[in-house]
Amino acid sequence: MKPAVYNAVAAILNADDTLTEEEKARVLDACRGPDAGERPKGEAPTLLSLPEVAAVLKVHPTTVRRMVRAGRLRRLGFTRHPRFLLEDVERLAGIRGEGRRGRRPRSSCGE
């Protein structure tokens, strides 16, 4: 759920005197979704820019754009300056591993 919608639901629930605090908390937990346990309440997710993602993954920014197009990385916003969740980038970095993708070092011809 988008933060603006979540905040609107929270405001409506706080204005409602018929619900108990426990019921309000259950409604808000349901609005957060299944991945709500990953972050402490109230803590905003860390967002990275495209150049920052490229630096973390040790790839060119064009490669990051290709990863988005291929569906390997989720992009937030469809503006000229997209943002990426740090959690998604870390997950992708863990899949890729360190360094280049398993390429062998070049050998010299005469050795």
PDB file of N, CA and C in Angstrom:
ATOM      1  N   MET A   1       0.842  -1.164   0.000  1.00  0.00           N
ATOM      2  CA  MET A   1       0.000   0.000   0.000  1.00  0.00           C
ATOM      3  C   MET A   1       0.897   1.241   0.000  1.00  0.00           C
ATOM      4  N   LYS A   2       0.491   2.223  -0.768  1.00  0.00           N
ATOM      5  CA  LYS A   2       1.260   3.458  -0.855  1.00  0.00           C
ATOM      6  C   LYS A   2       1.210   4.202   0.478  1.00  0.00           C
ATOM      7  N   PRO A   3       2.312   4.885   0.831  1.00  0.00           N
ATOM      8  CA  PRO A   3       2.348   5.593   2.117  1.00  0.00           C
ATOM      9  C   PRO A   3       1.240   6.621   2.285  1.00  0.00           C
ATOM     10  N   ALA A   4       0.872   7.312   1.209  1.00  0.00           N
ATOM     11  CA  ALA A   4      -0.178   8.328   1.320  1.00  0.00           C
ATOM     12  C   ALA A   4      -1.517   7.685   1.669  1.00  0.00           C
ATOM     13  N   VAL A   5      -1.804   6.541   1.057  1.00  0.00           N
ATOM     14  CA  VAL A   5      -3.054   5.831   1.340  1.00  0.00           C
ATOM     15  C   VAL A   5      -3.022   5.291   2.768  1.00  0.00           C
ATOM     16  N   TYR A   6      -1.886   4.733   3.155  1.00  0.00           N
ATOM     17  CA  TYR A   6      -1.735   4.211   4.508  1.00  0.00           C
ATOM     18  C   TYR A   6      -1.953   5.320   5.537  1.00  0.00           C
ATOM     19  N   ASN A   7      -1.370   6.491   5.300  1.00  0.00           N
ATOM     20  CA  ASN A   7      -1.535   7.618   6.224  1.00  0.00           C
ATOM     21  C   ASN A   7      -2.981   8.083   6.286  1.00  0.00           C
ATOM     22  N   ALA A   8      -3.678   8.042   5.144  1.00  0.00           N
ATOM     23  CA  ALA A   8      -5.091   8.429   5.128  1.00  0.00           C
ATOM     24  C   ALA A   8      -5.924   7.448   5.951  1.00  0.00           C
ATOM     25  N   VAL A   9      -5.648   6.156   5.799  1.00  0.00           N
ATOM     26  CA  VAL A   9      -6.364   5.138   6.576  1.00  0.00           C
ATOM     27  C   VAL A   9      -6.082   5.340   8.063  1.00  0.00           C
ATOM     28  N   ALA A  10      -4.834   5.609   8.410  1.00  0.00           N
ATOM     29  CA  ALA A  10      -4.473   5.834   9.812  1.00  0.00           C
ATOM     30  C   ALA A  10      -5.207   7.045  10.380  1.00  0.00           C
ATOM     31  N   ALA A  11      -5.329   8.109   9.597  1.00  0.00           N
ATOM     32  CA  ALA A  11      -6.032   9.309  10.064  1.00  0.00           C
ATOM     33  C   ALA A  11      -7.508   9.027  10.288  1.00  0.00           C
ATOM     34  N   ILE A  12      -8.112   8.274   9.397  1.00  0.00           N
ATOM     35  CA  ILE A  12      -9.531   7.924   9.543  1.00  0.00           C
ATOM     36  C   ILE A  12      -9.731   7.068  10.786  1.00  0.00           C
ATOM     37  N   LEU A  13      -8.849   6.095  10.981  1.00  0.00           N
ATOM     38  CA  LEU A  13      -8.971   5.229  12.152  1.00  0.00           C
ATOM     39  C   LEU A  13      -8.779   6.002  13.447  1.00  0.00           C
ATOM     40  N   ASN A  14      -7.846   6.943  13.467  1.00  0.00           N
ATOM     41  CA  ASN A  14      -7.617   7.731  14.681  1.00  0.00           C
ATOM     42  C   ASN A  14      -8.812   8.622  15.008  1.00  0.00           C
ATOM     43  N   ALA A  15      -9.546   9.056  13.995  1.00  0.00           N
ATOM     44  CA  ALA A  15     -10.710   9.903  14.215  1.00  0.00           C
ATOM     45  C   ALA A  15     -11.929   9.089  14.655  1.00  0.00           C
ATOM     46  N   ASP A  16     -11.906   7.774  14.434  1.00  0.00           N
ATOM     47  CA  ASP A  16     -13.036   6.906  14.767  1.00  0.00           C
ATOM     48  C   ASP A  16     -12.959   6.494  16.236  1.00  0.00           C
ATOM     49  N   ASP A  17     -14.000   6.840  16.999  1.00  0.00           N
ATOM     50  CA  ASP A  17     -14.022   6.510  18.425  1.00  0.00           C
ATOM     51  C   ASP A  17     -14.651   5.158  18.710  1.00  0.00           C
ATOM     52  N   THR A  18     -15.224   4.510  17.709  1.00  0.00           N
ATOM     53  CA  THR A  18     -15.925   3.244  17.952  1.00  0.00           C
ATOM     54  C   THR A  18     -14.990   2.047  17.997  1.00  0.00           C
ATOM     55  N   LEU A  19     -13.786   2.165  17.455  1.00  0.00           N
ATOM     56  CA  LEU A  19     -12.846   1.045  17.438  1.00  0.00           C
ATOM     57  C   LEU A  19     -11.891   1.130  18.619  1.00  0.00           C
ATOM     58  N   THR A  20     -11.498  -0.028  19.121  1.00  0.00           N
ATOM     59  CA  THR A  20     -10.492  -0.064  20.178  1.00  0.00           C
ATOM     60  C   THR A  20      -9.111   0.116  19.552  1.00  0.00           C
ATOM     61  N   GLU A  21      -8.120   0.410  20.377  1.00  0.00           N
ATOM     62  CA  GLU A  21      -6.744   0.572  19.878  1.00  0.00           C
ATOM     63  C   GLU A  21      -6.240  -0.721  19.243  1.00  0.00           C
ATOM     64  N   GLU A  22      -6.627  -1.849  19.812  1.00  0.00           N
ATOM     65  CA  GLU A  22      -6.198  -3.143  19.267  1.00  0.00           C
ATOM     66  C   GLU A  22      -6.780  -3.369  17.877  1.00  0.00           C
ATOM     67  N   GLU A  23      -8.037  -3.007  17.686  1.00  0.00           N
ATOM     68  CA  GLU A  23      -8.672  -3.163  16.374  1.00  0.00           C
ATOM     69  C   GLU A  23      -8.023  -2.232  15.345  1.00  0.00           C
ATOM     70  N   LYS A  24      -7.716  -1.024  15.766  1.00  0.00           N
ATOM     71  CA  LYS A  24      -7.045  -0.079  14.862  1.00  0.00           C
ATOM     72  C   LYS A  24      -5.674  -0.617  14.446  1.00  0.00           C
ATOM     73  N   ALA A  25      -4.948  -1.175  15.415  1.00  0.00           N
ATOM     74  CA  ALA A  25      -3.623  -1.726  15.117  1.00  0.00           C
ATOM     75  C   ALA A  25      -3.723  -2.895  14.145  1.00  0.00           C
ATOM     76  N   ARG A  26      -4.744  -3.743  14.307  1.00  0.00           N
ATOM     77  CA  ARG A  26      -4.914  -4.878  13.384  1.00  0.00           C
ATOM     78  C   ARG A  26      -5.211  -4.408  11.967  1.00  0.00           C
ATOM     79  N   VAL A  27      -6.048  -3.371  11.839  1.00  0.00           N
ATOM     80  CA  VAL A  27      -6.375  -2.838  10.511  1.00  0.00           C
ATOM     81  C   VAL A  27      -5.117  -2.273   9.855  1.00  0.00           C
ATOM     82  N   LEU A  28      -4.331  -1.526  10.611  1.00  0.00           N
ATOM     83  CA  LEU A  28      -3.113  -0.929  10.051  1.00  0.00           C
ATOM     84  C   LEU A  28      -2.086  -2.002   9.700  1.00  0.00           C
ATOM     85  N   ASP A  29      -1.978  -3.055  10.500  1.00  0.00           N
ATOM     86  CA  ASP A  29      -1.073  -4.160  10.170  1.00  0.00           C
ATOM     87  C   ASP A  29      -1.500  -4.846   8.878  1.00  0.00           C
ATOM     88  N   ALA A  30      -2.814  -5.005   8.701  1.00  0.00           N
ATOM     89  CA  ALA A  30      -3.320  -5.622   7.468  1.00  0.00           C
ATOM     90  C   ALA A  30      -3.033  -4.737   6.260  1.00  0.00           C
ATOM     91  N   CYS A  31      -3.081  -3.410   6.456  1.00  0.00           N
ATOM     92  CA  CYS A  31      -2.798  -2.483   5.356  1.00  0.00           C
ATOM     93  C   CYS A  31      -1.330  -2.512   4.951  1.00  0.00           C
ATOM     94  N   ARG A  32      -0.454  -2.776   5.914  1.00  0.00           N
ATOM     95  CA  ARG A  32       0.979  -2.788   5.621  1.00  0.00           C
ATOM     96  C   ARG A  32       1.351  -3.915   4.674  1.00  0.00           C
ATOM     97  N   GLY A  33       0.692  -5.033   4.751  1.00  0.00           N
ATOM     98  CA  GLY A  33       0.983  -6.146   3.856  1.00  0.00           C
ATOM     99  C   GLY A  33       1.904  -7.170   4.482  1.00  0.00           C
ATOM    100  N   PRO A  34       2.230  -8.232   3.722  1.00  0.00           N
ATOM    101  CA  PRO A  34       3.004  -9.354   4.256  1.00  0.00           C
ATOM    102  C   PRO A  34       4.458  -9.026   4.553  1.00  0.00           C
ATOM    103  N   ASP A  35       5.043  -8.032   3.903  1.00  0.00           N
ATOM    104  CA  ASP A  35       6.456  -7.734   4.122  1.00  0.00           C
ATOM    105  C   ASP A  35       6.676  -6.654   5.175  1.00  0.00           C
ATOM    106  N   ALA A  36       5.654  -6.373   5.977  1.00  0.00           N
ATOM    107  CA  ALA A  36       5.753  -5.302   6.970  1.00  0.00           C
ATOM    108  C   ALA A  36       6.760  -5.627   8.068  1.00  0.00           C
ATOM    109  N   GLY A  37       7.057  -6.867   8.289  1.00  0.00           N
ATOM    110  CA  GLY A  37       7.962  -7.244   9.355  1.00  0.00           C
ATOM    111  C   GLY A  37       9.414  -6.948   9.061  1.00  0.00           C
ATOM    112  N   GLU A  38       9.754  -6.585   7.846  1.00  0.00           N
ATOM    113  CA  GLU A  38      11.143  -6.363   7.469  1.00  0.00           C
ATOM    114  C   GLU A  38      11.715  -5.065   8.041  1.00  0.00           C
ATOM    115  N   ARG A  39      10.859  -4.048   8.258  1.00  0.00           N
ATOM    116  CA  ARG A  39      11.310  -2.749   8.733  1.00  0.00           C
ATOM    117  C   ARG A  39      10.605  -2.393  10.028  1.00  0.00           C
ATOM    118  N   PRO A  40      11.292  -1.745  10.933  1.00  0.00           N
ATOM    119  CA  PRO A  40      10.615  -1.256  12.141  1.00  0.00           C
ATOM    120  C   PRO A  40       9.559  -0.227  11.766  1.00  0.00           C
ATOM    121  N   LYS A  41       8.513  -0.131  12.570  1.00  0.00           N
ATOM    122  CA  LYS A  41       7.436   0.818  12.290  1.00  0.00           C
ATOM    123  C   LYS A  41       7.977   2.235  12.241  1.00  0.00           C
ATOM    124  N   GLY A  42       7.511   2.996  11.273  1.00  0.00           N
ATOM    125  CA  GLY A  42       7.879   4.389  11.166  1.00  0.00           C
ATOM    126  C   GLY A  42       9.192   4.651  10.459  1.00  0.00           C
ATOM    127  N   GLU A  43       9.980   3.632  10.182  1.00  0.00           N
ATOM    128  CA  GLU A  43      11.262   3.845   9.513  1.00  0.00           C
ATOM    129  C   GLU A  43      11.053   3.813   8.001  1.00  0.00           C
ATOM    130  N   ALA A  44      11.481   4.862   7.335  1.00  0.00           N
ATOM    131  CA  ALA A  44      11.321   4.958   5.888  1.00  0.00           C
ATOM    132  C   ALA A  44      12.353   4.068   5.192  1.00  0.00           C
ATOM    133  N   PRO A  45      11.985   3.493   4.048  1.00  0.00           N
ATOM    134  CA  PRO A  45      12.949   2.669   3.317  1.00  0.00           C
ATOM    135  C   PRO A  45      14.063   3.529   2.736  1.00  0.00           C
ATOM    136  N   THR A  46      15.232   2.939   2.579  1.00  0.00           N
ATOM    137  CA  THR A  46      16.366   3.651   1.993  1.00  0.00           C
ATOM    138  C   THR A  46      16.265   3.564   0.475  1.00  0.00           C
ATOM    139  N   LEU A  47      16.292   4.711  -0.171  1.00  0.00           N
ATOM    140  CA  LEU A  47      16.196   4.770  -1.625  1.00  0.00           C
ATOM    141  C   LEU A  47      17.544   5.153  -2.217  1.00  0.00           C
ATOM    142  N   LEU A  48      17.856   4.554  -3.355  1.00  0.00           N
ATOM    143  CA  LEU A  48      19.103   4.843  -4.057  1.00  0.00           C
ATOM    144  C   LEU A  48      18.794   5.380  -5.444  1.00  0.00           C
ATOM    145  N   SER A  49      19.679   6.236  -5.942  1.00  0.00           N
ATOM    146  CA  SER A  49      19.557   6.736  -7.308  1.00  0.00           C
ATOM    147  C   SER A  49      20.198   5.721  -8.267  1.00  0.00           C
ATOM    148  N   LEU A  50      20.005   5.936  -9.543  1.00  0.00           N
ATOM    149  CA  LEU A  50      20.565   5.029 -10.547  1.00  0.00           C
ATOM    150  C   LEU A  50      22.085   4.965 -10.474  1.00  0.00           C
ATOM    151  N   PRO A  51      22.807   6.091 -10.377  1.00  0.00           N
ATOM    152  CA  PRO A  51      24.273   5.997 -10.259  1.00  0.00           C
ATOM    153  C   PRO A  51      24.720   5.279  -8.980  1.00  0.00           C
ATOM    154  N   GLU A  52      23.976   5.463  -7.894  1.00  0.00           N
ATOM    155  CA  GLU A  52      24.325   4.769  -6.652  1.00  0.00           C
ATOM    156  C   GLU A  52      24.149   3.258  -6.789  1.00  0.00           C
ATOM    157  N   VAL A  53      23.073   2.852  -7.456  1.00  0.00           N
ATOM    158  CA  VAL A  53      22.840   1.416  -7.679  1.00  0.00           C
ATOM    159  C   VAL A  53      23.953   0.840  -8.539  1.00  0.00           C
ATOM    160  N   ALA A  54      24.325   1.574  -9.582  1.00  0.00           N
ATOM    161  CA  ALA A  54      25.401   1.107 -10.456  1.00  0.00           C
ATOM    162  C   ALA A  54      26.702   0.949  -9.676  1.00  0.00           C
ATOM    163  N   ALA A  55      26.981   1.870  -8.750  1.00  0.00           N
ATOM    164  CA  ALA A  55      28.195   1.775  -7.951  1.00  0.00           C
ATOM    165  C   ALA A  55      28.152   0.579  -7.005  1.00  0.00           C
ATOM    166  N   VAL A  56      27.010   0.330  -6.393  1.00  0.00           N
ATOM    167  CA  VAL A  56      26.882  -0.804  -5.476  1.00  0.00           C
ATOM    168  C   VAL A  56      27.065  -2.121  -6.216  1.00  0.00           C
ATOM    169  N   LEU A  57      26.447  -2.217  -7.393  1.00  0.00           N
ATOM    170  CA  LEU A  57      26.511  -3.466  -8.168  1.00  0.00           C
ATOM    171  C   LEU A  57      27.777  -3.573  -9.012  1.00  0.00           C
ATOM    172  N   LYS A  58      28.561  -2.489  -9.067  1.00  0.00           N
ATOM    173  CA  LYS A  58      29.794  -2.449  -9.852  1.00  0.00           C
ATOM    174  C   LYS A  58      29.528  -2.721 -11.338  1.00  0.00           C
ATOM    175  N   VAL A  59      28.500  -2.039 -11.852  1.00  0.00           N
ATOM    176  CA  VAL A  59      28.137  -2.148 -13.263  1.00  0.00           C
ATOM    177  C   VAL A  59      27.911  -0.745 -13.807  1.00  0.00           C
ATOM    178  N   HIS A  60      27.761  -0.629 -15.102  1.00  0.00           N
ATOM    179  CA  HIS A  60      27.480   0.638 -15.760  1.00  0.00           C
ATOM    180  C   HIS A  60      25.992   0.974 -15.556  1.00  0.00           C
ATOM    181  N   PRO A  61      25.632   2.261 -15.482  1.00  0.00           N
ATOM    182  CA  PRO A  61      24.220   2.625 -15.334  1.00  0.00           C
ATOM    183  C   PRO A  61      23.310   2.047 -16.417  1.00  0.00           C
ATOM    184  N   THR A  62      23.828   1.882 -17.616  1.00  0.00           N
ATOM    185  CA  THR A  62      23.031   1.266 -18.681  1.00  0.00           C
ATOM    186  C   THR A  62      22.667  -0.169 -18.316  1.00  0.00           C
ATOM    187  N   THR A  63      23.564  -0.866 -17.650  1.00  0.00           N
ATOM    188  CA  THR A  63      23.291  -2.234 -17.218  1.00  0.00           C
ATOM    189  C   THR A  63      22.160  -2.242 -16.201  1.00  0.00           C
ATOM    190  N   VAL A  64      22.122  -1.248 -15.314  1.00  0.00           N
ATOM    191  CA  VAL A  64      21.033  -1.158 -14.344  1.00  0.00           C
ATOM    192  C   VAL A  64      19.712  -0.964 -15.072  1.00  0.00           C
ATOM    193  N   ARG A  65      19.700  -0.104 -16.091  1.00  0.00           N
ATOM    194  CA  ARG A  65      18.474   0.098 -16.879  1.00  0.00           C
ATOM    195  C   ARG A  65      18.035  -1.202 -17.548  1.00  0.00           C
ATOM    196  N   ARG A  66      18.993  -1.983 -18.029  1.00  0.00           N
ATOM    197  CA  ARG A  66      18.665  -3.279 -18.647  1.00  0.00           C
ATOM    198  C   ARG A  66      18.084  -4.241 -17.620  1.00  0.00           C
ATOM    199  N   MET A  67      18.622  -4.214 -16.390  1.00  0.00           N
ATOM    200  CA  MET A  67      18.091  -5.073 -15.324  1.00  0.00           C
ATOM    201  C   MET A  67      16.642  -4.715 -15.010  1.00  0.00           C
ATOM    202  N   VAL A  68      16.331  -3.408 -15.036  1.00  0.00           N
ATOM    203  CA  VAL A  68      14.956  -2.969 -14.800  1.00  0.00           C
ATOM    204  C   VAL A  68      14.057  -3.471 -15.922  1.00  0.00           C
ATOM    205  N   ARG A  69      14.508  -3.283 -17.158  1.00  0.00           N
ATOM    206  CA  ARG A  69      13.721  -3.717 -18.312  1.00  0.00           C
ATOM    207  C   ARG A  69      13.483  -5.224 -18.311  1.00  0.00           C
ATOM    208  N   ALA A  70      14.469  -5.988 -17.835  1.00  0.00           N
ATOM    209  CA  ALA A  70      14.354  -7.451 -17.800  1.00  0.00           C
ATOM    210  C   ALA A  70      13.541  -7.931 -16.603  1.00  0.00           C
ATOM    211  N   GLY A  71      13.210  -7.033 -15.677  1.00  0.00           N
ATOM    212  CA  GLY A  71      12.421  -7.415 -14.519  1.00  0.00           C
ATOM    213  C   GLY A  71      13.245  -7.933 -13.352  1.00  0.00           C
ATOM    214  N   ARG A  72      14.549  -7.774 -13.393  1.00  0.00           N
ATOM    215  CA  ARG A  72      15.412  -8.258 -12.317  1.00  0.00           C
ATOM    216  C   ARG A  72      15.508  -7.265 -11.170  1.00  0.00           C
ATOM    217  N   LEU A  73      15.147  -5.994 -11.424  1.00  0.00           N
ATOM    218  CA  LEU A  73      15.251  -4.944 -10.413  1.00  0.00           C
ATOM    219  C   LEU A  73      14.011  -4.064 -10.513  1.00  0.00           C
ATOM    220  N   ARG A  74      13.410  -3.776  -9.355  1.00  0.00           N
ATOM    221  CA  ARG A  74      12.194  -2.966  -9.318  1.00  0.00           C
ATOM    222  C   ARG A  74      12.554  -1.495  -9.240  1.00  0.00           C
ATOM    223  N   ARG A  75      11.899  -0.702 -10.067  1.00  0.00           N
ATOM    224  CA  ARG A  75      12.132   0.735 -10.139  1.00  0.00           C
ATOM    225  C   ARG A  75      10.952   1.453  -9.499  1.00  0.00           C
ATOM    226  N   LEU A  76      11.228   2.445  -8.679  1.00  0.00           N
ATOM    227  CA  LEU A  76      10.169   3.233  -8.054  1.00  0.00           C
ATOM    228  C   LEU A  76      10.039   4.549  -8.790  1.00  0.00           C
ATOM    229  N   GLY A  77       8.869   4.815  -9.291  1.00  0.00           N
ATOM    230  CA  GLY A  77       8.624   6.059 -10.000  1.00  0.00           C
ATOM    231  C   GLY A  77       9.028   5.953 -11.466  1.00  0.00           C
ATOM    232  N   PHE A  78       8.281   6.624 -12.300  1.00  0.00           N
ATOM    233  CA  PHE A  78       8.566   6.615 -13.731  1.00  0.00           C
ATOM    234  C   PHE A  78       8.926   8.016 -14.180  1.00  0.00           C
ATOM    235  N   THR A  79       9.823   8.607 -13.416  1.00  0.00           N
ATOM    236  CA  THR A  79      10.291   9.945 -13.741  1.00  0.00           C
ATOM    237  C   THR A  79      11.653   9.829 -14.410  1.00  0.00           C
ATOM    238  N   ARG A  80      12.226  10.960 -14.683  1.00  0.00           N
ATOM    239  CA  ARG A  80      13.548  10.959 -15.309  1.00  0.00           C
ATOM    240  C   ARG A  80      14.629  10.457 -14.349  1.00  0.00           C
ATOM    241  N   HIS A  81      14.365  10.584 -13.041  1.00  0.00           N
ATOM    242  CA  HIS A  81      15.323  10.174 -12.020  1.00  0.00           C
ATOM    243  C   HIS A  81      14.696   9.096 -11.134  1.00  0.00           C
ATOM    244  N   PRO A  82      14.741   7.835 -11.568  1.00  0.00           N
ATOM    245  CA  PRO A  82      14.104   6.775 -10.776  1.00  0.00           C
ATOM    246  C   PRO A  82      14.858   6.503  -9.488  1.00  0.00           C
ATOM    247  N   ARG A  83      14.183   5.872  -8.556  1.00  0.00           N
ATOM    248  CA  ARG A  83      14.776   5.465  -7.290  1.00  0.00           C
ATOM    249  C   ARG A  83      14.603   3.960  -7.136  1.00  0.00           C
ATOM    250  N   PHE A  84      15.479   3.370  -6.346  1.00  0.00           N
ATOM    251  CA  PHE A  84      15.478   1.934  -6.136  1.00  0.00           C
ATOM    252  C   PHE A  84      15.578   1.652  -4.643  1.00  0.00           C
ATOM    253  N   LEU A  85      14.887   0.617  -4.174  1.00  0.00           N
ATOM    254  CA  LEU A  85      14.966   0.235  -2.765  1.00  0.00           C
ATOM    255  C   LEU A  85      16.302  -0.432  -2.488  1.00  0.00           C
ATOM    256  N   LEU A  86      16.936  -0.033  -1.400  1.00  0.00           N
ATOM    257  CA  LEU A  86      18.214  -0.626  -1.010  1.00  0.00           C
ATOM    258  C   LEU A  86      18.067  -2.136  -0.818  1.00  0.00           C
ATOM    259  N   GLU A  87      16.935  -2.577  -0.266  1.00  0.00           N
ATOM    260  CA  GLU A  87      16.698  -4.013  -0.047  1.00  0.00           C
ATOM    261  C   GLU A  87      16.750  -4.785  -1.363  1.00  0.00           C
ATOM    262  N   ASP A  88      16.135  -4.225  -2.414  1.00  0.00           N
ATOM    263  CA  ASP A  88      16.136  -4.890  -3.719  1.00  0.00           C
ATOM    264  C   ASP A  88      17.542  -4.960  -4.302  1.00  0.00           C
ATOM    265  N   VAL A  89      18.294  -3.873  -4.142  1.00  0.00           N
ATOM    266  CA  VAL A  89      19.659  -3.830  -4.676  1.00  0.00           C
ATOM    267  C   VAL A  89      20.546  -4.830  -3.931  1.00  0.00           C
ATOM    268  N   GLU A  90      20.404  -4.893  -2.607  1.00  0.00           N
ATOM    269  CA  GLU A  90      21.191  -5.851  -1.824  1.00  0.00           C
ATOM    270  C   GLU A  90      20.853  -7.281  -2.204  1.00  0.00           C
ATOM    271  N   ARG A  91      19.568  -7.549  -2.433  1.00  0.00           N
ATOM    272  CA  ARG A  91      19.147  -8.888  -2.855  1.00  0.00           C
ATOM    273  C   ARG A  91      19.796  -9.238  -4.198  1.00  0.00           C
ATOM    274  N   LEU A  92      19.765  -8.296  -5.125  1.00  0.00           N
ATOM    275  CA  LEU A  92      20.362  -8.533  -6.434  1.00  0.00           C
ATOM    276  C   LEU A  92      21.873  -8.674  -6.328  1.00  0.00           C
ATOM    277  N   ALA A  93      22.509  -7.897  -5.463  1.00  0.00           N
ATOM    278  CA  ALA A  93      23.959  -7.995  -5.277  1.00  0.00           C
ATOM    279  C   ALA A  93      24.323  -9.365  -4.713  1.00  0.00           C
ATOM    280  N   GLY A  94      23.492  -9.899  -3.837  1.00  0.00           N
ATOM    281  CA  GLY A  94      23.727 -11.231  -3.285  1.00  0.00           C
ATOM    282  C   GLY A  94      23.613 -12.309  -4.334  1.00  0.00           C
ATOM    283  N   ILE A  95      22.704 -12.138  -5.269  1.00  0.00           N
ATOM    284  CA  ILE A  95      22.539 -13.102  -6.360  1.00  0.00           C
ATOM    285  C   ILE A  95      23.725 -13.036  -7.302  1.00  0.00           C
ATOM    286  N   ARG A  96      24.173 -11.820  -7.606  1.00  0.00           N
ATOM    287  CA  ARG A  96      25.272 -11.644  -8.554  1.00  0.00           C
ATOM    288  C   ARG A  96      26.599 -12.094  -7.982  1.00  0.00           C
ATOM    289  N   GLY A  97      26.794 -11.919  -6.684  1.00  0.00           N
ATOM    290  CA  GLY A  97      28.086 -12.242  -6.100  1.00  0.00           C
ATOM    291  C   GLY A  97      29.049 -11.080  -6.293  1.00  0.00           C
ATOM    292  N   GLU A  98      30.246 -11.256  -5.844  1.00  0.00           N
ATOM    293  CA  GLU A  98      31.242 -10.195  -5.950  1.00  0.00           C
ATOM    294  C   GLU A  98      31.921 -10.222  -7.314  1.00  0.00           C
ATOM    295  N   GLY A  99      32.325  -9.068  -7.771  1.00  0.00           N
ATOM    296  CA  GLY A  99      33.101  -8.969  -9.010  1.00  0.00           C
ATOM    297  C   GLY A  99      32.289  -9.258 -10.259  1.00  0.00           C
ATOM    298  N   ARG A 100      32.990  -9.579 -11.311  1.00  0.00           N
ATOM    299  CA  ARG A 100      32.364  -9.842 -12.601  1.00  0.00           C
ATOM    300  C   ARG A 100      31.672 -11.198 -12.567  1.00  0.00           C
ATOM    301  N   ARG A 101      30.779 -11.422 -13.483  1.00  0.00           N
ATOM    302  CA  ARG A 101      29.945 -12.617 -13.460  1.00  0.00           C
ATOM    303  C   ARG A 101      30.693 -13.873 -13.890  1.00  0.00           C
ATOM    304  N   GLY A 102      31.599 -14.338 -13.066  1.00  0.00           N
ATOM    305  CA  GLY A 102      32.246 -15.617 -13.323  1.00  0.00           C
ATOM    306  C   GLY A 102      33.181 -15.629 -14.511  1.00  0.00           C
ATOM    307  N   ARG A 103      33.586 -14.486 -14.984  1.00  0.00           N
ATOM    308  CA  ARG A 103      34.502 -14.471 -16.125  1.00  0.00           C
ATOM    309  C   ARG A 103      35.897 -14.846 -15.662  1.00  0.00           C
ATOM    310  N   ARG A 104      36.568 -15.617 -16.480  1.00  0.00           N
ATOM    311  CA  ARG A 104      37.953 -16.009 -16.165  1.00  0.00           C
ATOM    312  C   ARG A 104      38.894 -14.876 -16.539  1.00  0.00           C
ATOM    313  N   PRO A 105      39.973 -14.729 -15.810  1.00  0.00           N
ATOM    314  CA  PRO A 105      40.959 -13.706 -16.185  1.00  0.00           C
ATOM    315  C   PRO A 105      41.583 -14.047 -17.525  1.00  0.00           C
ATOM    316  N   ARG A 106      41.911 -13.026 -18.266  1.00  0.00           N
ATOM    317  CA  ARG A 106      42.527 -13.243 -19.580  1.00  0.00           C
ATOM    318  C   ARG A 106      43.927 -13.836 -19.390  1.00  0.00           C
ATOM    319  N   SER A 107      44.253 -14.776 -20.233  1.00  0.00           N
ATOM    320  CA  SER A 107      45.602 -15.344 -20.173  1.00  0.00           C
ATOM    321  C   SER A 107      46.412 -14.769 -21.337  1.00  0.00           C
ATOM    322  N   SER A 108      47.696 -14.664 -21.121  1.00  0.00           N
ATOM    323  CA  SER A 108      48.532 -14.179 -22.202  1.00  0.00           C
ATOM    324  C   SER A 108      48.794 -15.326 -23.180  1.00  0.00           C
ATOM    325  N   CYS A 109      48.970 -15.005 -24.410  1.00  0.00           N
ATOM    326  CA  CYS A 109      49.060 -16.013 -25.472  1.00  0.00           C
ATOM    327  C   CYS A 109      50.283 -16.938 -25.348  1.00  0.00           C
ATOM    328  N   GLY A 110      51.411 -16.420 -24.937  1.00  0.00           N
ATOM    329  CA  GLY A 110      52.624 -17.214 -24.955  1.00  0.00           C
ATOM    330  C   GLY A 110      52.878 -18.020 -23.693  1.00  0.00           C
ATOM    331  N   GLU A 111      52.042 -17.948 -22.715  1.00  0.00           N
ATOM    332  CA  GLU A 111      52.337 -18.625 -21.445  1.00  0.00           C
ATOM    333  C   GLU A 111      51.539 -19.859 -21.242  1.00  0.00           C
TER     334      GLU A 111
END
